[in-house]
């Protein structure tokens, strides 16, 4: 694959994650832009990259840059993605893709018209055992899926003293917990199961109406009942105020033949069971499907995790730029999909009724 040249807009935690994945992919990080020259300079030094720190405008105008990674607060995703696409760049944009489904649809259409690769880091797809679950369910080994349930729980906002720009609706969007992490759960569950969520019935809760000096209107918790396009039922609990749960994305699918479960905080194992047998599947590439083994870069017993998923996602994006694609790669259309689910969840919580998800 020809070496890819990348630029990053955004200098926070996610910018660091993207920078590490760029390094591991073998690509060249050409430049970094941030909210200020000083902040971008400090971040690039922290990332151990000696690269030019430039304005956003200069980064987008640099013809040597093939792909732009957008790692800024949510309210800037649409603006910078439009600018990158208009500059002829391939785009990796953090989620949510935009603050509204209309903006997300516009970005998806713009990227298609421009012929650029446009991806969104729903990276939990890249756990080898998630791919293994996708392979087994897709092959019919679990039978017809009739129940999907799980949760995504975090604790980083468990105290009223915990603050972050994400709690501000004008920067993070009308939905916080569901849009931020519930979107990950919906994406990975739809991808693994091959099903689509058609209707939702949701309740939300804002545990702390103020955080420091900030008035909070976005939800800390969402509880959602689900209906799928094959008639299956489901349930999801999302929380950013669950002490002790650092980043626990958990899903379980029950089929006519078998059930499968995965816990993102225990990514080296997957649970697979029938009425007669219960198996803990370990991440050993010798015994996984070809698709899962391809993402399992280390031997069994050598743990892989989030950063490996992210590196594989970025490498896949760059392969797509070079003309090679895989089913696992999440694109802007997947970002649009979760934006529509998020809007349906918020509408349901407000109306206290079942709401149809826009197809």
Protein backbone atom coordinates (compact mmCIF):
# COMPACT_ATOMS: atom_id res chain seq x y z
CA UNK A 1 0.00 0.00 0.00
CA UNK A 2 1.32 3.46 -0.92
CA UNK A 3 2.13 5.49 2.17
CA UNK A 4 -0.74 7.73 3.32
CA UNK A 5 -0.17 11.29 4.53
CA UNK A 6 -2.51 12.43 7.29
CA UNK A 7 -3.42 15.55 9.21
CA UNK A 8 -5.24 15.85 12.54
CA UNK A 9 -7.64 18.61 13.57
CA UNK A 10 -8.10 18.48 17.32
CA UNK A 11 -5.62 18.09 20.16
CA UNK A 12 -7.53 16.39 22.98
CA UNK A 13 -7.56 12.78 24.14
CA UNK A 14 -9.05 11.46 20.91
CA UNK A 15 -6.45 13.31 18.87
CA UNK A 16 -3.80 11.39 20.79
CA UNK A 17 -5.58 8.10 20.05
CA UNK A 18 -5.75 8.91 16.33
CA UNK A 19 -2.09 9.96 16.29
CA UNK A 20 -1.05 6.63 17.81
CA UNK A 21 -3.15 4.72 15.24
CA UNK A 22 -1.63 6.75 12.40
CA UNK A 23 1.84 5.89 13.68
CA UNK A 24 1.01 2.20 13.95
CA UNK A 25 -0.46 2.11 10.44
CA UNK A 26 2.84 3.26 8.97
CA UNK A 27 1.29 6.46 7.61
CA UNK A 28 2.93 9.89 7.80
CA UNK A 29 1.46 12.53 10.11
CA UNK A 30 2.09 15.74 8.18
CA UNK A 31 0.52 18.42 10.38
CA UNK A 32 -1.68 19.10 13.41
CA UNK A 33 -4.19 21.90 13.93
CA UNK A 34 -5.97 22.82 17.14
CA UNK A 35 -8.02 25.52 18.84
CA UNK A 36 -4.77 27.47 19.28
CA UNK A 37 -1.20 27.22 18.02
CA UNK A 38 0.12 26.86 21.58
CA UNK A 39 -2.25 24.01 22.46
CA UNK A 40 -1.51 22.18 19.22
CA UNK A 41 2.22 22.58 19.82
CA UNK A 42 1.94 21.13 23.32
CA UNK A 43 -0.16 18.21 22.07
CA UNK A 44 2.08 17.29 19.16
CA UNK A 45 5.06 17.21 21.53
CA UNK A 46 3.08 15.01 23.94
CA UNK A 47 2.24 12.67 21.05
CA UNK A 48 5.99 12.40 20.28
CA UNK A 49 5.50 13.81 16.79
CA UNK A 50 7.72 16.59 15.52
CA UNK A 51 5.35 17.95 12.90
CA UNK A 52 4.27 21.43 11.81
CA UNK A 53 1.49 23.00 13.86
CA UNK A 54 -0.74 25.00 11.54
CA UNK A 55 -4.15 26.58 11.27
CA UNK A 56 -7.12 24.50 10.15
CA UNK A 57 -7.19 26.45 6.90
CA UNK A 58 -3.52 25.75 6.21
CA UNK A 59 -3.93 22.06 7.00
CA UNK A 60 -6.84 21.70 4.59
CA UNK A 61 -4.95 23.63 1.89
CA UNK A 62 -1.90 21.35 2.14
CA UNK A 63 -1.98 19.25 -1.03
CA UNK A 64 0.38 16.65 0.44
CA UNK A 65 -2.25 15.57 2.98
CA UNK A 66 -4.43 12.68 1.77
CA UNK A 67 -6.71 12.22 4.78
CA UNK A 68 -7.90 14.48 7.59
CA UNK A 69 -8.77 13.13 11.05
CA UNK A 70 -11.39 15.34 12.75
CA UNK A 71 -11.15 15.05 16.55
CA UNK A 72 -12.84 18.25 17.73
CA UNK A 73 -15.98 18.87 19.86
CA UNK A 74 -19.17 17.59 18.28
CA UNK A 75 -20.57 20.93 17.12
CA UNK A 76 -17.59 21.37 14.77
CA UNK A 77 -17.80 17.94 13.08
CA UNK A 78 -20.12 19.05 10.28
CA UNK A 79 -18.27 22.28 9.48
CA UNK A 80 -14.83 20.70 9.34
CA UNK A 81 -16.01 17.60 7.48
CA UNK A 82 -17.61 19.76 4.79
CA UNK A 83 -14.41 21.78 4.48
CA UNK A 84 -12.25 18.64 4.25
CA UNK A 85 -14.47 17.05 1.61
CA UNK A 86 -14.51 20.27 -0.42
CA UNK A 87 -10.71 20.29 -0.21
CA UNK A 88 -10.70 16.83 -1.79
CA UNK A 89 -9.51 15.05 1.36
CA UNK A 90 -10.53 11.64 2.64
CA UNK A 91 -12.06 12.05 6.10
CA UNK A 92 -12.06 10.23 9.42
CA UNK A 93 -14.56 12.02 11.67
CA UNK A 94 -15.18 11.27 15.32
CA UNK A 95 -18.72 10.43 16.33
CA UNK A 96 -21.37 11.66 16.41
CA UNK A 97 -20.97 12.46 12.74
CA UNK A 98 -23.04 15.63 13.18
CA UNK A 99 -25.53 17.18 15.59
CA UNK A 100 -28.55 16.33 13.41
CA UNK A 101 -29.50 13.52 11.00
CA UNK A 102 -29.95 16.15 8.30
CA UNK A 103 -26.34 17.24 8.65
CA UNK A 104 -25.18 13.61 8.78
CA UNK A 105 -27.15 12.83 5.61
CA UNK A 106 -25.63 15.84 3.89
CA UNK A 107 -22.11 14.74 4.82
CA UNK A 108 -22.76 11.21 3.61
CA UNK A 109 -24.05 12.51 0.28
CA UNK A 110 -21.18 15.00 -0.09
CA UNK A 111 -18.57 12.29 0.50
CA UNK A 112 -20.24 10.00 -2.06
CA UNK A 113 -20.39 12.75 -4.69
CA UNK A 114 -16.75 13.68 -4.09
CA UNK A 115 -15.63 10.05 -4.28
CA UNK A 116 -13.68 10.26 -1.03
CA UNK A 117 -13.38 7.62 1.68
CA UNK A 118 -15.25 8.86 4.74
CA UNK A 119 -15.21 6.74 7.91
CA UNK A 120 -16.30 7.00 11.52
CA UNK A 121 -14.54 5.17 14.37
CA UNK A 122 -17.08 2.65 15.58
CA UNK A 123 -14.03 0.69 16.56
CA UNK A 124 -15.64 -1.95 18.79
CA UNK A 125 -16.38 -3.82 15.56
CA UNK A 126 -12.63 -4.47 15.42
CA UNK A 127 -12.33 -6.65 18.51
CA UNK A 128 -11.44 -10.05 17.00
CA UNK A 129 -14.10 -11.78 19.09
CA UNK A 130 -16.76 -9.30 17.95
CA UNK A 131 -15.80 -10.24 14.41
CA UNK A 132 -16.03 -13.89 15.44
CA UNK A 133 -19.57 -13.29 16.75
CA UNK A 134 -20.45 -11.52 13.48
CA UNK A 135 -19.10 -14.45 11.48
CA UNK A 136 -20.96 -17.11 13.47
CA UNK A 137 -24.28 -15.24 13.52
CA UNK A 138 -23.95 -14.38 9.83
CA UNK A 139 -23.32 -18.03 9.01
CA UNK A 140 -26.56 -19.01 10.75
CA UNK A 141 -24.85 -20.85 13.61
CA UNK A 142 -27.01 -19.08 16.19
CA UNK A 143 -30.24 -19.54 14.25
CA UNK A 144 -32.85 -16.82 13.96
CA UNK A 145 -32.14 -14.06 16.51
CA UNK A 146 -35.14 -13.33 18.73
CA UNK A 147 -33.65 -11.31 21.62
CA UNK A 148 -30.92 -8.64 21.78
CA UNK A 149 -29.98 -6.96 25.05
CA UNK A 150 -27.13 -5.32 26.88
CA UNK A 151 -25.71 -2.11 28.25
CA UNK A 152 -22.99 0.49 27.94
CA UNK A 153 -21.94 1.77 31.35
CA UNK A 154 -19.31 4.31 32.38
CA UNK A 155 -18.52 6.18 35.61
CA UNK A 156 -16.52 9.21 34.50
CA UNK A 157 -19.43 11.60 35.19
CA UNK A 158 -20.61 9.98 38.42
CA UNK A 159 -20.03 13.08 40.58
CA UNK A 160 -21.66 16.50 40.26
CA UNK A 161 -18.10 17.86 40.26
CA UNK A 162 -17.27 16.00 37.04
CA UNK A 163 -17.29 18.45 34.13
CA UNK A 164 -16.59 18.17 30.41
CA UNK A 165 -17.57 20.07 27.27
CA UNK A 166 -19.77 17.11 26.33
CA UNK A 167 -22.33 18.03 28.99
CA UNK A 168 -23.00 21.34 27.20
CA UNK A 169 -25.77 20.84 24.65
CA UNK A 170 -24.51 23.63 22.41
CA UNK A 171 -21.18 21.83 21.98
CA UNK A 172 -22.06 18.17 22.50
CA UNK A 173 -25.60 18.07 21.08
CA UNK A 174 -29.10 17.49 22.47
CA UNK A 175 -28.24 13.91 23.42
CA UNK A 176 -25.11 13.06 25.40
CA UNK A 177 -25.00 9.59 26.96
CA UNK A 178 -26.96 7.87 24.22
CA UNK A 179 -25.36 9.72 21.32
CA UNK A 180 -21.87 9.37 22.80
CA UNK A 181 -21.85 5.71 23.83
CA UNK A 182 -25.27 4.25 23.06
CA UNK A 183 -24.48 4.85 19.41
CA UNK A 184 -21.50 2.49 19.73
CA UNK A 185 -23.72 -0.23 21.19
CA UNK A 186 -26.36 0.13 18.47
CA UNK A 187 -23.74 0.07 15.73
CA UNK A 188 -21.95 -3.04 16.96
CA UNK A 189 -25.19 -4.91 17.71
CA UNK A 190 -26.67 -4.15 14.29
CA UNK A 191 -23.40 -5.17 12.62
CA UNK A 192 -23.04 -8.43 14.55
CA UNK A 193 -26.69 -9.45 14.21
CA UNK A 194 -27.33 -8.21 10.67
CA UNK A 195 -30.61 -6.78 12.02
CA UNK A 196 -31.91 -3.21 12.07
CA UNK A 197 -33.58 -1.40 14.95
CA UNK A 198 -37.00 -0.28 13.68
CA UNK A 199 -38.70 1.16 16.78
CA UNK A 200 -37.64 2.46 20.19
CA UNK A 201 -39.36 3.26 23.47
CA UNK A 202 -37.08 5.23 25.75
CA UNK A 203 -36.77 6.95 29.11
CA UNK A 204 -33.90 9.26 30.03
CA UNK A 205 -32.64 10.83 33.24
CA UNK A 206 -30.38 13.76 34.05
CA UNK A 207 -28.95 12.92 37.47
CA UNK A 208 -27.12 16.22 37.96
CA UNK A 209 -28.85 19.34 36.64
CA UNK A 210 -25.71 21.35 37.26
CA UNK A 211 -22.06 20.39 37.07
CA UNK A 212 -19.91 23.07 38.63
CA UNK A 213 -21.08 26.30 37.02
CA UNK A 214 -22.63 24.53 34.01
CA UNK A 215 -26.39 23.96 33.71
CA UNK A 216 -26.97 20.47 32.27
CA UNK A 217 -29.85 19.60 29.95
CA UNK A 218 -28.47 16.39 28.43
CA UNK A 219 -29.10 12.89 29.77
CA UNK A 220 -26.84 10.89 32.09
CA UNK A 221 -28.89 7.69 31.68
CA UNK A 222 -31.05 6.19 28.94
CA UNK A 223 -33.16 3.04 29.16
CA UNK A 224 -34.43 1.85 25.79
CA UNK A 225 -36.73 -0.94 24.62
CA UNK A 226 -36.09 -2.03 21.05
CA UNK A 227 -37.84 -3.72 18.15
CA UNK A 228 -35.87 -5.16 15.24
CA UNK A 229 -36.77 -5.69 11.61
CA UNK A 230 -37.08 -9.49 11.99
CA UNK A 231 -39.50 -9.16 14.92
CA UNK A 232 -36.84 -9.61 17.61
CA UNK A 233 -37.13 -7.62 20.83
CA UNK A 234 -34.36 -5.92 22.72
CA UNK A 235 -33.37 -3.73 25.65
CA UNK A 236 -30.46 -1.37 26.27
CA UNK A 237 -29.30 0.59 29.33
CA UNK A 238 -26.81 3.42 28.83
CA UNK A 239 -25.19 5.30 31.72
CA UNK A 240 -22.27 7.63 32.34
CA UNK A 241 -22.95 7.69 36.10
CA UNK A 242 -22.38 4.05 37.15
CA UNK A 243 -19.51 3.91 39.70
CA UNK A 244 -17.01 1.17 38.98
CA UNK A 245 -18.00 0.68 35.36
CA UNK A 246 -15.15 2.26 33.43
CA UNK A 247 -16.15 1.46 29.85
CA UNK A 248 -18.35 -1.63 29.87
CA UNK A 249 -20.04 -2.24 26.54
CA UNK A 250 -21.89 -5.55 26.86
CA UNK A 251 -24.22 -7.27 24.41
CA UNK A 252 -25.97 -10.63 24.29
CA UNK A 253 -27.89 -12.13 21.37
CA UNK A 254 -30.24 -15.09 21.84
CA UNK A 255 -31.00 -17.19 18.77
CA UNK A 256 -33.07 -20.26 18.04
CA UNK A 257 -29.93 -22.42 18.25
CA UNK A 258 -27.34 -20.52 20.31
CA UNK A 259 -26.62 -17.39 22.29
CA UNK A 260 -23.53 -15.19 22.09
CA UNK A 261 -22.28 -12.52 24.51
CA UNK A 262 -19.33 -10.12 24.58
CA UNK A 263 -18.01 -7.76 27.27
CA UNK A 264 -15.68 -5.00 26.02
CA UNK A 265 -13.91 -4.87 29.39
CA UNK A 266 -13.04 -8.57 28.97
CA UNK A 267 -12.19 -8.55 25.25
CA UNK A 268 -10.10 -11.72 25.19
CA UNK A 269 -13.15 -13.97 25.63
CA UNK A 270 -16.60 -14.46 24.12
CA UNK A 271 -19.47 -16.52 25.53
CA UNK A 272 -21.15 -18.99 23.18
CA UNK A 273 -23.85 -21.37 24.41
CA UNK A 274 -26.56 -23.78 23.31
CA UNK A 275 -29.07 -25.60 25.52
CA UNK A 276 -26.53 -28.43 25.80
CA UNK A 277 -23.15 -26.69 25.95
CA UNK A 278 -21.60 -23.51 27.29
CA UNK A 279 -18.26 -22.39 25.89
CA UNK A 280 -15.89 -19.56 26.73
CA UNK A 281 -14.23 -18.81 23.41
CA UNK A 282 -10.74 -17.37 23.84
CA UNK A 283 -9.00 -15.14 21.34
CA UNK A 284 -6.76 -17.76 19.77
CA UNK A 285 -6.34 -17.04 16.05
CA UNK A 286 -5.77 -20.75 15.37
CA UNK A 287 -9.41 -21.51 16.16
CA UNK A 288 -11.22 -18.38 14.97
CA UNK A 289 -12.88 -17.62 11.66
CA UNK A 290 -10.61 -16.27 8.94
CA UNK A 291 -12.11 -12.78 9.39
CA UNK A 292 -11.46 -12.75 13.14
CA UNK A 293 -8.01 -14.31 12.84
CA UNK A 294 -7.00 -11.60 10.36
CA UNK A 295 -7.49 -8.96 13.09
CA UNK A 296 -5.87 -11.05 15.81
CA UNK A 297 -2.32 -9.80 15.53
CA UNK A 298 -0.98 -11.39 18.72
CA UNK A 299 -0.91 -15.01 19.91
CA UNK A 300 -3.43 -16.17 22.48
CA UNK A 301 -2.60 -15.00 25.98
CA UNK A 302 -1.11 -11.72 24.75
CA UNK A 303 -4.01 -9.31 25.40
CA UNK A 304 -5.32 -7.01 22.70
CA UNK A 305 -7.56 -4.04 23.44
CA UNK A 306 -9.02 -0.69 22.46
CA UNK A 307 -5.87 0.80 20.92
CA UNK A 308 -5.47 -2.30 18.73
CA UNK A 309 -9.06 -1.90 17.54
CA UNK A 310 -8.41 1.73 16.72
CA UNK A 311 -5.19 0.93 14.87
CA UNK A 312 -6.96 -1.72 12.80
CA UNK A 313 -9.79 0.71 12.01
CA UNK A 314 -7.37 3.39 10.81
CA UNK A 315 -5.36 0.86 8.81
CA UNK A 316 -8.61 -0.34 7.18
CA UNK A 317 -9.53 3.23 6.32
CA UNK A 318 -6.17 3.65 4.61
CA UNK A 319 -6.63 0.36 2.75
CA UNK A 320 -9.95 1.69 1.48
CA UNK A 321 -8.19 4.83 0.27
CA UNK A 322 -5.79 2.53 -1.58
CA UNK A 323 -8.78 0.71 -3.12
CA UNK A 324 -9.29 -2.29 -0.82
CA UNK A 325 -12.35 -2.51 1.43
CA UNK A 326 -13.68 -4.93 4.06
CA UNK A 327 -17.17 -5.41 5.44
CA UNK A 328 -16.10 -4.40 8.92
CA UNK A 329 -15.17 -0.79 8.01
CA UNK A 330 -17.72 1.74 9.40
CA UNK A 331 -18.43 4.66 7.08
CA UNK A 332 -20.38 7.92 7.18
CA UNK A 333 -23.54 5.99 6.31
CA UNK A 334 -23.14 4.15 9.63
CA UNK A 335 -22.79 7.52 11.36
CA UNK A 336 -26.01 8.63 9.69
CA UNK A 337 -27.69 5.43 10.85
CA UNK A 338 -26.84 6.01 14.52
CA UNK A 339 -27.82 9.70 14.26
CA UNK A 340 -31.30 8.60 13.22
CA UNK A 341 -31.50 6.11 16.09
CA UNK A 342 -30.39 8.78 18.58
CA UNK A 343 -33.06 11.22 17.38
CA UNK A 344 -35.72 8.53 17.70
CA UNK A 345 -34.60 7.74 21.25
CA UNK A 346 -34.76 11.39 22.30
CA UNK A 347 -38.16 11.86 20.65
CA UNK A 348 -39.48 8.75 22.40
CA UNK A 349 -38.24 9.96 25.79
CA UNK A 350 -39.98 13.30 25.29
CA UNK A 351 -43.26 11.83 24.02
CA UNK A 352 -43.31 8.73 26.25
CA UNK A 353 -44.24 6.61 23.22
CA UNK A 354 -42.85 4.16 20.68
CA UNK A 355 -41.06 5.98 17.84
CA UNK A 356 -40.11 4.57 14.44
CA UNK A 357 -36.46 4.87 13.41
CA UNK A 358 -36.10 6.45 9.98
CA UNK A 359 -34.90 3.66 7.63
